N, C-alpha and C. Protein backbone atom coordinates (compact mmCIF):
# COMPACT_ATOMS: atom_id res chain seq x y z
N UNK A 1 53.14 135.54 111.92
CA UNK A 1 52.64 134.29 112.09
C UNK A 1 53.87 133.46 112.56
N UNK A 2 53.76 132.68 113.56
CA UNK A 2 54.89 131.82 114.02
C UNK A 2 54.70 130.36 113.36
N UNK A 3 55.80 129.65 113.12
CA UNK A 3 55.78 128.40 112.63
C UNK A 3 55.85 127.39 113.73
N UNK A 4 55.33 126.21 113.65
CA UNK A 4 55.44 125.10 114.61
C UNK A 4 56.47 124.26 114.36
N UNK A 5 57.30 123.90 115.36
CA UNK A 5 58.31 122.76 115.17
C UNK A 5 57.45 121.40 115.14
N UNK A 6 58.12 120.37 114.45
CA UNK A 6 57.53 119.10 114.38
C UNK A 6 57.02 118.49 115.60
N UNK A 7 57.89 118.80 116.76
CA UNK A 7 57.41 118.25 118.05
C UNK A 7 56.42 119.05 118.69
N UNK A 8 55.91 120.02 118.12
CA UNK A 8 54.78 120.88 118.71
C UNK A 8 53.44 120.42 118.10
N UNK A 9 53.47 119.43 117.16
CA UNK A 9 52.32 119.05 116.31
C UNK A 9 52.21 117.52 116.33
N UNK A 10 51.00 116.97 116.43
CA UNK A 10 50.73 115.56 116.21
C UNK A 10 49.68 115.33 115.19
N UNK A 11 50.02 114.45 114.23
CA UNK A 11 48.89 114.02 113.32
C UNK A 11 47.97 113.18 114.03
N UNK A 12 46.67 113.53 114.09
CA UNK A 12 45.62 112.83 114.76
C UNK A 12 44.59 112.02 113.82
N UNK A 13 44.99 111.96 112.53
CA UNK A 13 44.17 111.32 111.63
C UNK A 13 44.99 110.43 110.63
N UNK A 14 45.51 109.30 111.23
CA UNK A 14 46.46 108.54 110.37
C UNK A 14 45.86 107.06 110.39
N UNK A 15 45.85 106.55 109.12
CA UNK A 15 45.30 105.18 108.92
C UNK A 15 46.41 104.31 108.57
N UNK A 16 46.41 103.06 109.07
CA UNK A 16 47.33 102.02 108.72
C UNK A 16 46.80 101.10 107.75
N UNK A 17 47.58 100.13 107.46
CA UNK A 17 47.11 99.00 106.64
C UNK A 17 46.08 98.26 107.14
N UNK A 18 45.74 98.37 108.45
CA UNK A 18 44.55 97.76 109.11
C UNK A 18 43.21 98.52 109.01
N UNK A 19 43.20 99.58 108.37
CA UNK A 19 42.14 100.33 108.11
C UNK A 19 41.58 100.10 106.74
N UNK A 20 40.76 99.08 106.58
CA UNK A 20 40.37 98.51 105.27
C UNK A 20 39.76 99.72 104.45
N UNK A 21 40.26 99.63 103.09
CA UNK A 21 39.79 100.61 102.02
C UNK A 21 40.15 102.01 102.43
N UNK A 22 40.87 102.29 103.48
CA UNK A 22 41.22 103.72 103.88
C UNK A 22 42.67 103.92 104.12
N UNK A 23 43.38 102.85 104.38
CA UNK A 23 44.83 103.16 104.78
C UNK A 23 45.69 102.22 103.99
N UNK A 24 47.02 102.58 103.89
CA UNK A 24 48.02 101.85 103.17
C UNK A 24 49.30 101.68 103.97
N UNK A 25 49.58 102.65 104.84
CA UNK A 25 50.93 102.67 105.53
C UNK A 25 51.04 101.50 106.54
N UNK A 26 52.23 100.95 106.60
CA UNK A 26 52.49 99.92 107.59
C UNK A 26 52.95 100.74 108.84
N UNK A 27 52.62 100.20 109.98
CA UNK A 27 52.91 100.94 111.12
C UNK A 27 54.30 101.21 111.44
N UNK A 28 55.15 100.27 111.26
CA UNK A 28 56.66 100.65 111.51
C UNK A 28 57.05 101.69 110.44
N UNK A 29 56.62 101.74 109.23
CA UNK A 29 57.05 102.75 108.27
C UNK A 29 56.43 104.09 108.65
N UNK A 30 55.20 104.09 109.14
CA UNK A 30 54.54 105.44 109.61
C UNK A 30 55.44 105.92 110.71
N UNK A 31 55.70 105.08 111.74
CA UNK A 31 56.56 105.57 112.83
C UNK A 31 57.94 106.03 112.40
N UNK A 32 58.67 105.25 111.60
CA UNK A 32 59.85 105.62 111.04
C UNK A 32 59.89 107.02 110.37
N UNK A 33 58.89 107.27 109.51
CA UNK A 33 58.75 108.54 108.85
C UNK A 33 58.49 109.61 109.79
N UNK A 34 57.66 109.37 110.80
CA UNK A 34 57.32 110.49 111.74
C UNK A 34 58.52 110.78 112.53
N UNK A 35 59.39 109.85 112.93
CA UNK A 35 60.60 110.10 113.62
C UNK A 35 61.65 110.90 112.73
N UNK A 36 61.74 110.46 111.50
CA UNK A 36 62.63 111.03 110.51
C UNK A 36 62.29 112.56 110.22
N UNK A 37 61.03 112.90 110.40
CA UNK A 37 60.64 114.18 110.18
C UNK A 37 60.53 115.18 111.60
N UNK A 38 61.07 114.48 112.70
CA UNK A 38 61.10 115.13 113.90
C UNK A 38 59.93 115.12 114.71
N UNK A 39 58.88 114.40 114.43
CA UNK A 39 57.75 114.21 115.23
C UNK A 39 57.93 113.36 116.50
N UNK A 40 57.38 113.88 117.63
CA UNK A 40 57.50 113.10 118.91
C UNK A 40 56.40 112.17 119.14
N UNK A 41 55.29 112.40 118.38
CA UNK A 41 54.12 111.54 118.66
C UNK A 41 53.24 111.40 117.41
N UNK A 42 52.37 110.39 117.38
CA UNK A 42 51.55 110.12 116.27
C UNK A 42 50.36 109.32 116.67
N UNK A 43 49.28 109.55 116.10
CA UNK A 43 48.03 108.86 116.60
C UNK A 43 47.60 107.97 115.41
N UNK A 44 47.09 106.79 115.84
CA UNK A 44 46.59 105.72 114.91
C UNK A 44 45.13 105.78 114.93
N UNK A 45 44.43 106.08 113.91
CA UNK A 45 42.92 106.21 113.86
C UNK A 45 42.44 105.31 112.82
N UNK A 46 42.65 104.10 112.80
CA UNK A 46 42.11 103.08 111.91
C UNK A 46 40.56 103.13 111.97
N UNK A 47 39.76 102.81 110.78
CA UNK A 47 38.34 102.68 110.90
C UNK A 47 37.94 101.21 110.91
N UNK A 48 36.93 101.06 111.81
CA UNK A 48 36.35 99.67 111.86
C UNK A 48 37.09 98.51 112.42
N UNK A 49 38.24 98.79 112.96
CA UNK A 49 38.99 97.55 113.57
C UNK A 49 40.05 98.23 114.47
N UNK A 50 40.46 97.28 115.44
CA UNK A 50 41.53 97.60 116.25
C UNK A 50 42.75 96.67 116.07
N UNK A 51 42.78 96.15 114.99
CA UNK A 51 43.87 95.11 114.64
C UNK A 51 45.24 95.81 114.82
N UNK A 52 45.34 97.02 114.42
CA UNK A 52 46.68 97.63 114.39
C UNK A 52 47.04 98.19 115.71
N UNK A 53 46.07 98.24 116.79
CA UNK A 53 46.41 98.84 118.04
C UNK A 53 47.55 98.16 118.79
N UNK A 54 47.58 96.83 118.76
CA UNK A 54 48.59 96.13 119.52
C UNK A 54 49.96 96.40 118.85
N UNK A 55 50.04 96.29 117.45
CA UNK A 55 51.26 96.57 116.75
C UNK A 55 51.75 98.05 117.03
N UNK A 56 50.83 98.90 117.00
CA UNK A 56 51.18 100.30 117.23
C UNK A 56 51.71 100.58 118.64
N UNK A 57 51.03 99.88 119.60
CA UNK A 57 51.53 100.06 120.94
C UNK A 57 52.84 99.45 121.23
N UNK A 58 53.14 98.27 120.58
CA UNK A 58 54.35 97.56 120.85
C UNK A 58 55.53 98.25 120.08
N UNK A 59 55.12 99.02 118.97
CA UNK A 59 56.17 99.70 118.25
C UNK A 59 56.68 100.82 118.95
């Protein structure tokens, strides 16, 4: 079995503070942690709102 490097994988189910009752992470903190762990990409999949989309795009 081969292991994947962090840049070969993207989390596609991430909720931010804008996903009411389902998320807690702040966008800048999520991106900082992803970068610190070597990830090249991250998806934002908030539920019920697009409030975080602009902040995520701008970050």
